[in-house]
């Protein structure tokens, strides 16, 4: 993971370092979210929703443009784009931070 964490308008996000990836020639790095206990790569929202539900996260249905999950024992809210194609590394890291030792983000060379 290379990049810089940027704090803007009350939101922290990772701005990835493009130069390190371009130095790798034709190899492309893609980030994937992995459920550590099962070593399973999250490939869809249905899989992710099952994993989050087992950890006590509940789905919010208030916003039709987002998938949102809330854990009643915390103030945390996970907001994801409706389409899994829009699921980017910043969303993955948000899930990792709010579920320590359960998820991690890995680089996959393609």
PDB file of N, CA and C in Angstrom:
ATOM      1  N   UNK A   1       0.850  -1.158   0.000  1.00  0.00           N
ATOM      2  CA  UNK A   1       0.000   0.000   0.000  1.00  0.00           C
ATOM      3  C   UNK A   1       0.897   1.222   0.000  1.00  0.00           C
ATOM      4  N   UNK A   2       0.814   2.010  -1.048  1.00  0.00           N
ATOM      5  CA  UNK A   2       1.579   3.245  -1.080  1.00  0.00           C
ATOM      6  C   UNK A   2       0.636   4.385  -1.407  1.00  0.00           C
ATOM      7  N   UNK A   3       0.901   5.514  -0.826  1.00  0.00           N
ATOM      8  CA  UNK A   3       0.069   6.672  -1.068  1.00  0.00           C
ATOM      9  C   UNK A   3       0.119   7.609   0.113  1.00  0.00           C
ATOM     10  N   UNK A   4      -0.778   8.554   0.089  1.00  0.00           N
ATOM     11  CA  UNK A   4      -0.833   9.574   1.130  1.00  0.00           C
ATOM     12  C   UNK A   4      -2.258   9.652   1.647  1.00  0.00           C
ATOM     13  N   UNK A   5      -2.407   9.699   2.980  1.00  0.00           N
ATOM     14  CA  UNK A   5      -3.710   9.900   3.580  1.00  0.00           C
ATOM     15  C   UNK A   5      -4.009  11.389   3.557  1.00  0.00           C
ATOM     16  N   UNK A   6      -5.162  11.767   3.010  1.00  0.00           N
ATOM     17  CA  UNK A   6      -5.551  13.169   2.877  1.00  0.00           C
ATOM     18  C   UNK A   6      -6.800  13.409   3.710  1.00  0.00           C
ATOM     19  N   UNK A   7      -6.774  14.482   4.505  1.00  0.00           N
ATOM     20  CA  UNK A   7      -7.925  14.875   5.312  1.00  0.00           C
ATOM     21  C   UNK A   7      -8.539  16.109   4.665  1.00  0.00           C
ATOM     22  N   UNK A   8      -9.786  15.995   4.180  1.00  0.00           N
ATOM     23  CA  UNK A   8     -10.446  17.110   3.518  1.00  0.00           C
ATOM     24  C   UNK A   8     -11.928  17.091   3.848  1.00  0.00           C
ATOM     25  N   UNK A   9     -12.454  18.202   4.292  1.00  0.00           N
ATOM     26  CA  UNK A   9     -13.879  18.343   4.624  1.00  0.00           C
ATOM     27  C   UNK A   9     -14.346  17.281   5.623  1.00  0.00           C
ATOM     28  N   UNK A  10     -13.509  16.983   6.595  1.00  0.00           N
ATOM     29  CA  UNK A  10     -13.883  16.026   7.625  1.00  0.00           C
ATOM     30  C   UNK A  10     -13.792  14.574   7.224  1.00  0.00           C
ATOM     31  N   UNK A  11     -13.223  14.267   6.058  1.00  0.00           N
ATOM     32  CA  UNK A  11     -13.122  12.898   5.563  1.00  0.00           C
ATOM     33  C   UNK A  11     -11.658  12.560   5.297  1.00  0.00           C
ATOM     34  N   UNK A  12     -11.242  11.394   5.763  1.00  0.00           N
ATOM     35  CA  UNK A  12      -9.893  10.922   5.494  1.00  0.00           C
ATOM     36  C   UNK A  12      -9.966   9.894   4.376  1.00  0.00           C
ATOM     37  N   UNK A  13      -9.086  10.051   3.380  1.00  0.00           N
ATOM     38  CA  UNK A  13      -9.066   9.066   2.294  1.00  0.00           C
ATOM     39  C   UNK A  13      -7.632   8.841   1.850  1.00  0.00           C
ATOM     40  N   UNK A  14      -7.389   7.704   1.244  1.00  0.00           N
ATOM     41  CA  UNK A  14      -6.073   7.350   0.750  1.00  0.00           C
ATOM     42  C   UNK A  14      -5.964   7.742  -0.717  1.00  0.00           C
ATOM     43  N   UNK A  15      -4.983   8.586  -1.022  1.00  0.00           N
ATOM     44  CA  UNK A  15      -4.686   8.930  -2.402  1.00  0.00           C
ATOM     45  C   UNK A  15      -3.507   8.062  -2.793  1.00  0.00           C
ATOM     46  N   UNK A  16      -3.761   7.116  -3.685  1.00  0.00           N
ATOM     47  CA  UNK A  16      -2.745   6.131  -4.017  1.00  0.00           C
ATOM     48  C   UNK A  16      -1.649   6.724  -4.879  1.00  0.00           C
ATOM     49  N   UNK A  17      -0.442   6.228  -4.670  1.00  0.00           N
ATOM     50  CA  UNK A  17       0.730   6.690  -5.398  1.00  0.00           C
ATOM     51  C   UNK A  17       0.780   6.004  -6.759  1.00  0.00           C
ATOM     52  N   UNK A  18       0.486   6.726  -7.810  1.00  0.00           N
ATOM     53  CA  UNK A  18       0.446   6.158  -9.154  1.00  0.00           C
ATOM     54  C   UNK A  18       1.836   5.884  -9.716  1.00  0.00           C
ATOM     55  N   UNK A  19       2.869   6.605  -9.253  1.00  0.00           N
ATOM     56  CA  UNK A  19       4.200   6.433  -9.822  1.00  0.00           C
ATOM     57  C   UNK A  19       4.784   5.069  -9.504  1.00  0.00           C
ATOM     58  N   UNK A  20       4.508   4.533  -8.319  1.00  0.00           N
ATOM     59  CA  UNK A  20       5.051   3.221  -7.990  1.00  0.00           C
ATOM     60  C   UNK A  20       4.432   2.132  -8.849  1.00  0.00           C
ATOM     61  N   UNK A  21       3.158   2.300  -9.205  1.00  0.00           N
ATOM     62  CA  UNK A  21       2.499   1.311 -10.047  1.00  0.00           C
ATOM     63  C   UNK A  21       2.967   1.419 -11.491  1.00  0.00           C
ATOM     64  N   UNK A  22       3.217   2.632 -11.959  1.00  0.00           N
ATOM     65  CA  UNK A  22       3.640   2.784 -13.348  1.00  0.00           C
ATOM     66  C   UNK A  22       5.057   2.282 -13.558  1.00  0.00           C
ATOM     67  N   UNK A  23       5.872   2.192 -12.504  1.00  0.00           N
ATOM     68  CA  UNK A  23       7.229   1.679 -12.617  1.00  0.00           C
ATOM     69  C   UNK A  23       7.266   0.171 -12.799  1.00  0.00           C
ATOM     70  N   UNK A  24       6.146  -0.479 -12.657  1.00  0.00           N
ATOM     71  CA  UNK A  24       6.101  -1.932 -12.744  1.00  0.00           C
ATOM     72  C   UNK A  24       5.858  -2.418 -14.170  1.00  0.00           C
ATOM     73  N   UNK A  25       5.934  -1.536 -15.140  1.00  0.00           N
ATOM     74  CA  UNK A  25       5.746  -1.951 -16.524  1.00  0.00           C
ATOM     75  C   UNK A  25       4.315  -2.295 -16.823  1.00  0.00           C
ATOM     76  N   UNK A  26       4.097  -3.463 -17.419  1.00  0.00           N
ATOM     77  CA  UNK A  26       2.754  -3.847 -17.829  1.00  0.00           C
ATOM     78  C   UNK A  26       1.960  -4.516 -16.714  1.00  0.00           C
ATOM     79  N   UNK A  27       2.581  -4.766 -15.564  1.00  0.00           N
ATOM     80  CA  UNK A  27       1.860  -5.380 -14.453  1.00  0.00           C
ATOM     81  C   UNK A  27       0.892  -4.372 -13.843  1.00  0.00           C
ATOM     82  N   UNK A  28      -0.320  -4.798 -13.615  1.00  0.00           N
ATOM     83  CA  UNK A  28      -1.313  -3.953 -12.972  1.00  0.00           C
ATOM     84  C   UNK A  28      -1.620  -4.522 -11.605  1.00  0.00           C
ATOM     85  N   UNK A  29      -1.656  -3.629 -10.608  1.00  0.00           N
ATOM     86  CA  UNK A  29      -2.006  -4.056  -9.264  1.00  0.00           C
ATOM     87  C   UNK A  29      -3.449  -3.675  -8.984  1.00  0.00           C
ATOM     88  N   UNK A  30      -4.173  -4.623  -8.452  1.00  0.00           N
ATOM     89  CA  UNK A  30      -5.553  -4.405  -8.073  1.00  0.00           C
ATOM     90  C   UNK A  30      -5.661  -4.725  -6.587  1.00  0.00           C
ATOM     91  N   UNK A  31      -6.484  -3.997  -5.892  1.00  0.00           N
ATOM     92  CA  UNK A  31      -6.680  -4.248  -4.470  1.00  0.00           C
ATOM     93  C   UNK A  31      -7.944  -5.080  -4.280  1.00  0.00           C
ATOM     94  N   UNK A  32      -7.870  -6.012  -3.346  1.00  0.00           N
ATOM     95  CA  UNK A  32      -9.031  -6.836  -3.011  1.00  0.00           C
ATOM     96  C   UNK A  32      -9.208  -6.834  -1.501  1.00  0.00           C
ATOM     97  N   UNK A  33     -10.448  -6.958  -1.070  1.00  0.00           N
ATOM     98  CA  UNK A  33     -10.780  -7.061   0.342  1.00  0.00           C
ATOM     99  C   UNK A  33     -10.852  -8.537   0.705  1.00  0.00           C
ATOM    100  N   UNK A  34     -10.160  -8.909   1.778  1.00  0.00           N
ATOM    101  CA  UNK A  34     -10.098 -10.315   2.194  1.00  0.00           C
ATOM    102  C   UNK A  34     -10.641 -10.444   3.610  1.00  0.00           C
ATOM    103  N   UNK A  35     -11.519 -11.423   3.808  1.00  0.00           N
ATOM    104  CA  UNK A  35     -12.018 -11.776   5.138  1.00  0.00           C
ATOM    105  C   UNK A  35     -10.967 -12.699   5.755  1.00  0.00           C
ATOM    106  N   UNK A  36     -10.268 -12.222   6.769  1.00  0.00           N
ATOM    107  CA  UNK A  36      -9.111 -12.931   7.314  1.00  0.00           C
ATOM    108  C   UNK A  36      -9.458 -14.303   7.907  1.00  0.00           C
ATOM    109  N   UNK A  37     -10.502 -14.433   8.737  1.00  0.00           N
ATOM    110  CA  UNK A  37     -10.772 -15.752   9.333  1.00  0.00           C
ATOM    111  C   UNK A  37     -10.989 -16.872   8.309  1.00  0.00           C
ATOM    112  N   UNK A  38     -11.614 -16.550   7.173  1.00  0.00           N
ATOM    113  CA  UNK A  38     -11.877 -17.582   6.159  1.00  0.00           C
ATOM    114  C   UNK A  38     -10.908 -17.485   4.982  1.00  0.00           C
ATOM    115  N   UNK A  39     -10.072 -16.434   4.950  1.00  0.00           N
ATOM    116  CA  UNK A  39      -9.153 -16.167   3.836  1.00  0.00           C
ATOM    117  C   UNK A  39      -9.908 -16.058   2.502  1.00  0.00           C
ATOM    118  N   UNK A  40     -11.143 -15.543   2.576  1.00  0.00           N
ATOM    119  CA  UNK A  40     -12.005 -15.429   1.400  1.00  0.00           C
ATOM    120  C   UNK A  40     -11.941 -14.017   0.832  1.00  0.00           C
ATOM    121  N   UNK A  41     -11.746 -13.914  -0.479  1.00  0.00           N
ATOM    122  CA  UNK A  41     -11.779 -12.623  -1.163  1.00  0.00           C
ATOM    123  C   UNK A  41     -13.237 -12.224  -1.338  1.00  0.00           C
ATOM    124  N   UNK A  42     -13.548 -10.983  -0.980  1.00  0.00           N
ATOM    125  CA  UNK A  42     -14.912 -10.483  -1.121  1.00  0.00           C
ATOM    126  C   UNK A  42     -15.124 -10.088  -2.577  1.00  0.00           C
ATOM    127  N   UNK A  43     -15.970 -10.837  -3.268  1.00  0.00           N
ATOM    128  CA  UNK A  43     -16.191 -10.617  -4.703  1.00  0.00           C
ATOM    129  C   UNK A  43     -17.576 -10.069  -5.022  1.00  0.00           C
ATOM    130  N   UNK A  44     -18.412  -9.892  -3.992  1.00  0.00           N
ATOM    131  CA  UNK A  44     -19.749  -9.346  -4.221  1.00  0.00           C
ATOM    132  C   UNK A  44     -20.277  -8.753  -2.920  1.00  0.00           C
ATOM    133  N   UNK A  45     -21.283  -7.913  -3.064  1.00  0.00           N
ATOM    134  CA  UNK A  45     -21.904  -7.329  -1.879  1.00  0.00           C
ATOM    135  C   UNK A  45     -22.671  -8.363  -1.071  1.00  0.00           C
ATOM    136  N   UNK A  46     -23.200  -9.391  -1.713  1.00  0.00           N
ATOM    137  CA  UNK A  46     -23.930 -10.409  -0.949  1.00  0.00           C
ATOM    138  C   UNK A  46     -22.988 -11.144   0.009  1.00  0.00           C
ATOM    139  N   UNK A  47     -21.769 -11.424  -0.444  1.00  0.00           N
ATOM    140  CA  UNK A  47     -20.778 -12.064   0.438  1.00  0.00           C
ATOM    141  C   UNK A  47     -20.391 -11.108   1.559  1.00  0.00           C
ATOM    142  N   UNK A  48     -20.132  -9.856   1.208  1.00  0.00           N
ATOM    143  CA  UNK A  48     -19.749  -8.864   2.204  1.00  0.00           C
ATOM    144  C   UNK A  48     -20.850  -8.667   3.238  1.00  0.00           C
ATOM    145  N   UNK A  49     -22.094  -8.592   2.786  1.00  0.00           N
ATOM    146  CA  UNK A  49     -23.210  -8.385   3.705  1.00  0.00           C
ATOM    147  C   UNK A  49     -23.327  -9.528   4.708  1.00  0.00           C
ATOM    148  N   UNK A  50     -23.110 -10.761   4.279  1.00  0.00           N
ATOM    149  CA  UNK A  50     -23.156 -11.910   5.192  1.00  0.00           C
ATOM    150  C   UNK A  50     -22.050 -11.812   6.244  1.00  0.00           C
ATOM    151  N   UNK A  51     -20.847 -11.431   5.801  1.00  0.00           N
ATOM    152  CA  UNK A  51     -19.716 -11.311   6.736  1.00  0.00           C
ATOM    153  C   UNK A  51     -19.972 -10.192   7.745  1.00  0.00           C
ATOM    154  N   UNK A  52     -20.473  -9.049   7.254  1.00  0.00           N
ATOM    155  CA  UNK A  52     -20.745  -7.930   8.156  1.00  0.00           C
ATOM    156  C   UNK A  52     -21.883  -8.255   9.125  1.00  0.00           C
ATOM    157  N   UNK A  53     -22.912  -8.943   8.646  1.00  0.00           N
ATOM    158  CA  UNK A  53     -24.034  -9.320   9.514  1.00  0.00           C
ATOM    159  C   UNK A  53     -23.568 -10.234  10.645  1.00  0.00           C
ATOM    160  N   UNK A  54     -22.641 -11.127  10.351  1.00  0.00           N
ATOM    161  CA  UNK A  54     -22.129 -12.024  11.396  1.00  0.00           C
ATOM    162  C   UNK A  54     -21.324 -11.271  12.455  1.00  0.00           C
ATOM    163  N   UNK A  55     -20.900 -10.043  12.119  1.00  0.00           N
ATOM    164  CA  UNK A  55     -20.151  -9.209  13.061  1.00  0.00           C
ATOM    165  C   UNK A  55     -21.042  -8.189  13.765  1.00  0.00           C
ATOM    166  N   UNK A  56     -22.352  -8.246  13.508  1.00  0.00           N
ATOM    167  CA  UNK A  56     -23.281  -7.348  14.180  1.00  0.00           C
ATOM    168  C   UNK A  56     -23.657  -6.098  13.403  1.00  0.00           C
ATOM    169  N   UNK A  57     -23.244  -6.005  12.149  1.00  0.00           N
ATOM    170  CA  UNK A  57     -23.599  -4.857  11.325  1.00  0.00           C
ATOM    171  C   UNK A  57     -25.005  -5.066  10.768  1.00  0.00           C
ATOM    172  N   UNK A  58     -25.798  -3.992  10.773  1.00  0.00           N
ATOM    173  CA  UNK A  58     -27.157  -4.038  10.247  1.00  0.00           C
ATOM    174  C   UNK A  58     -27.263  -3.141   9.023  1.00  0.00           C
ATOM    175  N   UNK A  59     -28.054  -3.566   8.076  1.00  0.00           N
ATOM    176  CA  UNK A  59     -28.228  -2.817   6.825  1.00  0.00           C
ATOM    177  C   UNK A  59     -29.217  -1.678   7.035  1.00  0.00           C
ATOM    178  N   UNK A  60     -28.880  -0.495   6.525  1.00  0.00           N
ATOM    179  CA  UNK A  60     -29.788   0.653   6.461  1.00  0.00           C
ATOM    180  C   UNK A  60     -30.371   0.706   5.061  1.00  0.00           C
ATOM    181  N   UNK A  61     -31.649   1.023   4.964  1.00  0.00           N
ATOM    182  CA  UNK A  61     -32.304   1.103   3.655  1.00  0.00           C
ATOM    183  C   UNK A  61     -32.785   2.517   3.339  1.00  0.00           C
ATOM    184  N   UNK A  62     -32.277   3.512   4.052  1.00  0.00           N
ATOM    185  CA  UNK A  62     -32.754   4.886   3.898  1.00  0.00           C
ATOM    186  C   UNK A  62     -32.344   5.530   2.579  1.00  0.00           C
ATOM    187  N   UNK A  63     -31.145   5.256   2.090  1.00  0.00           N
ATOM    188  CA  UNK A  63     -30.634   5.915   0.890  1.00  0.00           C
ATOM    189  C   UNK A  63     -30.595   4.915  -0.264  1.00  0.00           C
ATOM    190  N   UNK A  64     -31.391   5.116  -1.302  1.00  0.00           N
ATOM    191  CA  UNK A  64     -31.419   4.160  -2.416  1.00  0.00           C
ATOM    192  C   UNK A  64     -30.149   4.175  -3.274  1.00  0.00           C
ATOM    193  N   UNK A  65     -29.319   5.213  -3.133  1.00  0.00           N
ATOM    194  CA  UNK A  65     -28.103   5.323  -3.937  1.00  0.00           C
ATOM    195  C   UNK A  65     -26.892   4.644  -3.287  1.00  0.00           C
ATOM    196  N   UNK A  66     -27.036   4.249  -2.024  1.00  0.00           N
ATOM    197  CA  UNK A  66     -25.911   3.672  -1.283  1.00  0.00           C
ATOM    198  C   UNK A  66     -26.322   2.404  -0.562  1.00  0.00           C
ATOM    199  N   UNK A  67     -25.345   1.543  -0.313  1.00  0.00           N
ATOM    200  CA  UNK A  67     -25.521   0.455   0.634  1.00  0.00           C
ATOM    201  C   UNK A  67     -24.886   0.949   1.931  1.00  0.00           C
ATOM    202  N   UNK A  68     -25.655   0.934   3.012  1.00  0.00           N
ATOM    203  CA  UNK A  68     -25.137   1.427   4.276  1.00  0.00           C
ATOM    204  C   UNK A  68     -25.347   0.385   5.360  1.00  0.00           C
ATOM    205  N   UNK A  69     -24.331   0.308   6.225  1.00  0.00           N
ATOM    206  CA  UNK A  69     -24.365  -0.628   7.343  1.00  0.00           C
ATOM    207  C   UNK A  69     -24.018   0.121   8.615  1.00  0.00           C
ATOM    208  N   UNK A  70     -24.730  -0.221   9.701  1.00  0.00           N
ATOM    209  CA  UNK A  70     -24.496   0.401  10.998  1.00  0.00           C
ATOM    210  C   UNK A  70     -24.376  -0.688  12.050  1.00  0.00           C
ATOM    211  N   UNK A  71     -23.472  -0.472  12.980  1.00  0.00           N
ATOM    212  CA  UNK A  71     -23.313  -1.392  14.098  1.00  0.00           C
ATOM    213  C   UNK A  71     -23.860  -0.688  15.329  1.00  0.00           C
ATOM    214  N   UNK A  72     -24.880  -1.271  15.954  1.00  0.00           N
ATOM    215  CA  UNK A  72     -25.591  -0.593  17.039  1.00  0.00           C
ATOM    216  C   UNK A  72     -24.711  -0.292  18.244  1.00  0.00           C
ATOM    217  N   UNK A  73     -23.659  -1.055  18.447  1.00  0.00           N
ATOM    218  CA  UNK A  73     -22.795  -0.835  19.603  1.00  0.00           C
ATOM    219  C   UNK A  73     -21.758   0.263  19.362  1.00  0.00           C
ATOM    220  N   UNK A  74     -21.754   0.864  18.159  1.00  0.00           N
ATOM    221  CA  UNK A  74     -20.785   1.904  17.825  1.00  0.00           C
ATOM    222  C   UNK A  74     -21.483   3.063  17.111  1.00  0.00           C
ATOM    223  N   UNK A  75     -20.724   4.093  16.820  1.00  0.00           N
ATOM    224  CA  UNK A  75     -21.239   5.210  16.024  1.00  0.00           C
ATOM    225  C   UNK A  75     -20.840   5.056  14.564  1.00  0.00           C
ATOM    226  N   UNK A  76     -20.206   3.955  14.210  1.00  0.00           N
ATOM    227  CA  UNK A  76     -19.682   3.761  12.862  1.00  0.00           C
ATOM    228  C   UNK A  76     -20.790   3.498  11.847  1.00  0.00           C
ATOM    229  N   UNK A  77     -20.557   4.020  10.648  1.00  0.00           N
ATOM    230  CA  UNK A  77     -21.434   3.793   9.515  1.00  0.00           C
ATOM    231  C   UNK A  77     -20.556   3.475   8.312  1.00  0.00           C
ATOM    232  N   UNK A  78     -20.879   2.406   7.614  1.00  0.00           N
ATOM    233  CA  UNK A  78     -20.173   2.053   6.382  1.00  0.00           C
ATOM    234  C   UNK A  78     -21.094   2.398   5.224  1.00  0.00           C
ATOM    235  N   UNK A  79     -20.621   3.260   4.324  1.00  0.00           N
ATOM    236  CA  UNK A  79     -21.395   3.651   3.143  1.00  0.00           C
ATOM    237  C   UNK A  79     -20.651   3.199   1.897  1.00  0.00           C
ATOM    238  N   UNK A  80     -21.350   2.465   1.050  1.00  0.00           N
ATOM    239  CA  UNK A  80     -20.751   1.900  -0.161  1.00  0.00           C
ATOM    240  C   UNK A  80     -21.583   2.283  -1.373  1.00  0.00           C
ATOM    241  N   UNK A  81     -20.944   2.393  -2.540  1.00  0.00           N
ATOM    242  CA  UNK A  81     -21.720   2.673  -3.757  1.00  0.00           C
ATOM    243  C   UNK A  81     -22.664   1.504  -4.053  1.00  0.00           C
ATOM    244  N   UNK A  82     -23.796   1.797  -4.637  1.00  0.00           N
ATOM    245  CA  UNK A  82     -24.812   0.770  -4.919  1.00  0.00           C
ATOM    246  C   UNK A  82     -24.266  -0.355  -5.805  1.00  0.00           C
ATOM    247  N   UNK A  83     -23.447  -0.010  -6.790  1.00  0.00           N
ATOM    248  CA  UNK A  83     -22.908  -0.989  -7.731  1.00  0.00           C
ATOM    249  C   UNK A  83     -21.528  -1.458  -7.255  1.00  0.00           C
ATOM    250  N   UNK A  84     -21.301  -2.759  -7.222  1.00  0.00           N
ATOM    251  CA  UNK A  84     -20.031  -3.319  -6.759  1.00  0.00           C
ATOM    252  C   UNK A  84     -18.854  -2.868  -7.618  1.00  0.00           C
ATOM    253  N   UNK A  85     -19.109  -2.490  -8.869  1.00  0.00           N
ATOM    254  CA  UNK A  85     -18.046  -1.990  -9.744  1.00  0.00           C
ATOM    255  C   UNK A  85     -17.419  -0.730  -9.148  1.00  0.00           C
ATOM    256  N   UNK A  86     -18.192   0.045  -8.408  1.00  0.00           N
ATOM    257  CA  UNK A  86     -17.704   1.265  -7.785  1.00  0.00           C
ATOM    258  C   UNK A  86     -17.031   1.040  -6.447  1.00  0.00           C
ATOM    259  N   UNK A  87     -16.889  -0.219  -6.017  1.00  0.00           N
ATOM    260  CA  UNK A  87     -16.272  -0.569  -4.736  1.00  0.00           C
ATOM    261  C   UNK A  87     -14.757  -0.411  -4.871  1.00  0.00           C
ATOM    262  N   UNK A  88     -14.221   0.680  -4.349  1.00  0.00           N
ATOM    263  CA  UNK A  88     -12.821   1.042  -4.515  1.00  0.00           C
ATOM    264  C   UNK A  88     -12.036   0.804  -3.230  1.00  0.00           C
ATOM    265  N   UNK A  89     -10.735   1.004  -3.314  1.00  0.00           N
ATOM    266  CA  UNK A  89      -9.860   0.752  -2.166  1.00  0.00           C
ATOM    267  C   UNK A  89     -10.231   1.615  -0.964  1.00  0.00           C
ATOM    268  N   UNK A  90     -10.705   2.843  -1.179  1.00  0.00           N
ATOM    269  CA  UNK A  90     -11.076   3.685  -0.030  1.00  0.00           C
ATOM    270  C   UNK A  90     -12.224   3.058   0.755  1.00  0.00           C
ATOM    271  N   UNK A  91     -13.148   2.379   0.072  1.00  0.00           N
ATOM    272  CA  UNK A  91     -14.245   1.688   0.752  1.00  0.00           C
ATOM    273  C   UNK A  91     -13.709   0.475   1.513  1.00  0.00           C
ATOM    274  N   UNK A  92     -12.757  -0.232   0.879  1.00  0.00           N
ATOM    275  CA  UNK A  92     -12.156  -1.401   1.523  1.00  0.00           C
ATOM    276  C   UNK A  92     -11.441  -1.007   2.809  1.00  0.00           C
ATOM    277  N   UNK A  93     -10.660   0.075   2.751  1.00  0.00           N
ATOM    278  CA  UNK A  93      -9.922   0.509   3.941  1.00  0.00           C
ATOM    279  C   UNK A  93     -10.873   0.986   5.031  1.00  0.00           C
ATOM    280  N   UNK A  94     -12.002   1.573   4.656  1.00  0.00           N
ATOM    281  CA  UNK A  94     -13.007   1.982   5.640  1.00  0.00           C
ATOM    282  C   UNK A  94     -13.516   0.759   6.398  1.00  0.00           C
ATOM    283  N   UNK A  95     -13.772  -0.320   5.680  1.00  0.00           N
ATOM    284  CA  UNK A  95     -14.246  -1.558   6.309  1.00  0.00           C
ATOM    285  C   UNK A  95     -13.160  -2.140   7.211  1.00  0.00           C
ATOM    286  N   UNK A  96     -11.914  -2.115   6.751  1.00  0.00           N
ATOM    287  CA  UNK A  96     -10.792  -2.643   7.546  1.00  0.00           C
ATOM    288  C   UNK A  96     -10.651  -1.878   8.855  1.00  0.00           C
ATOM    289  N   UNK A  97     -10.707  -0.556   8.790  1.00  0.00           N
ATOM    290  CA  UNK A  97     -10.526   0.267   9.986  1.00  0.00           C
ATOM    291  C   UNK A  97     -11.644   0.012  10.998  1.00  0.00           C
ATOM    292  N   UNK A  98     -12.842  -0.218  10.525  1.00  0.00           N
ATOM    293  CA  UNK A  98     -13.987  -0.400  11.421  1.00  0.00           C
ATOM    294  C   UNK A  98     -14.172  -1.847  11.866  1.00  0.00           C
ATOM    295  N   UNK A  99     -13.336  -2.761  11.349  1.00  0.00           N
ATOM    296  CA  UNK A  99     -13.406  -4.184  11.704  1.00  0.00           C
ATOM    297  C   UNK A  99     -11.987  -4.729  11.838  1.00  0.00           C
ATOM    298  N   UNK A 100     -11.263  -4.228  12.800  1.00  0.00           N
ATOM    299  CA  UNK A 100      -9.860  -4.598  12.968  1.00  0.00           C
ATOM    300  C   UNK A 100      -9.694  -6.105  13.133  1.00  0.00           C
ATOM    301  N   UNK A 101      -8.678  -6.651  12.497  1.00  0.00           N
ATOM    302  CA  UNK A 101      -8.314  -8.063  12.562  1.00  0.00           C
ATOM    303  C   UNK A 101      -9.340  -8.999  11.924  1.00  0.00           C
ATOM    304  N   UNK A 102     -10.303  -8.444  11.196  1.00  0.00           N
ATOM    305  CA  UNK A 102     -11.304  -9.271  10.519  1.00  0.00           C
ATOM    306  C   UNK A 102     -11.141  -9.196   9.001  1.00  0.00           C
ATOM    307  N   UNK A 103     -10.821  -8.012   8.511  1.00  0.00           N
ATOM    308  CA  UNK A 103     -10.621  -7.804   7.081  1.00  0.00           C
ATOM    309  C   UNK A 103      -9.253  -7.190   6.844  1.00  0.00           C
ATOM    310  N   UNK A 104      -8.727  -7.411   5.630  1.00  0.00           N
ATOM    311  CA  UNK A 104      -7.519  -6.720   5.206  1.00  0.00           C
ATOM    312  C   UNK A 104      -7.588  -6.495   3.711  1.00  0.00           C
ATOM    313  N   UNK A 105      -6.812  -5.512   3.247  1.00  0.00           N
ATOM    314  CA  UNK A 105      -6.742  -5.213   1.826  1.00  0.00           C
ATOM    315  C   UNK A 105      -5.422  -5.752   1.314  1.00  0.00           C
ATOM    316  N   UNK A 106      -5.489  -6.492   0.217  1.00  0.00           N
ATOM    317  CA  UNK A 106      -4.288  -7.071  -0.384  1.00  0.00           C
ATOM    318  C   UNK A 106      -4.159  -6.600  -1.825  1.00  0.00           C
ATOM    319  N   UNK A 107      -2.909  -6.537  -2.271  1.00  0.00           N
ATOM    320  CA  UNK A 107      -2.626  -6.247  -3.665  1.00  0.00           C
ATOM    321  C   UNK A 107      -2.602  -7.555  -4.447  1.00  0.00           C
ATOM    322  N   UNK A 108      -3.220  -7.536  -5.610  1.00  0.00           N
ATOM    323  CA  UNK A 108      -3.198  -8.685  -6.514  1.00  0.00           C
ATOM    324  C   UNK A 108      -2.596  -8.183  -7.823  1.00  0.00           C
ATOM    325  N   UNK A 109      -1.541  -8.835  -8.275  1.00  0.00           N
ATOM    326  CA  UNK A 109      -0.908  -8.451  -9.540  1.00  0.00           C
ATOM    327  C   UNK A 109      -1.628  -9.176 -10.658  1.00  0.00           C
ATOM    328  N   UNK A 110      -2.023  -8.399 -11.648  1.00  0.00           N
ATOM    329  CA  UNK A 110      -2.778  -8.979 -12.770  1.00  0.00           C
ATOM    330  C   UNK A 110      -1.952  -8.926 -14.028  1.00  0.00           C
TER     331      UNK A 110
END
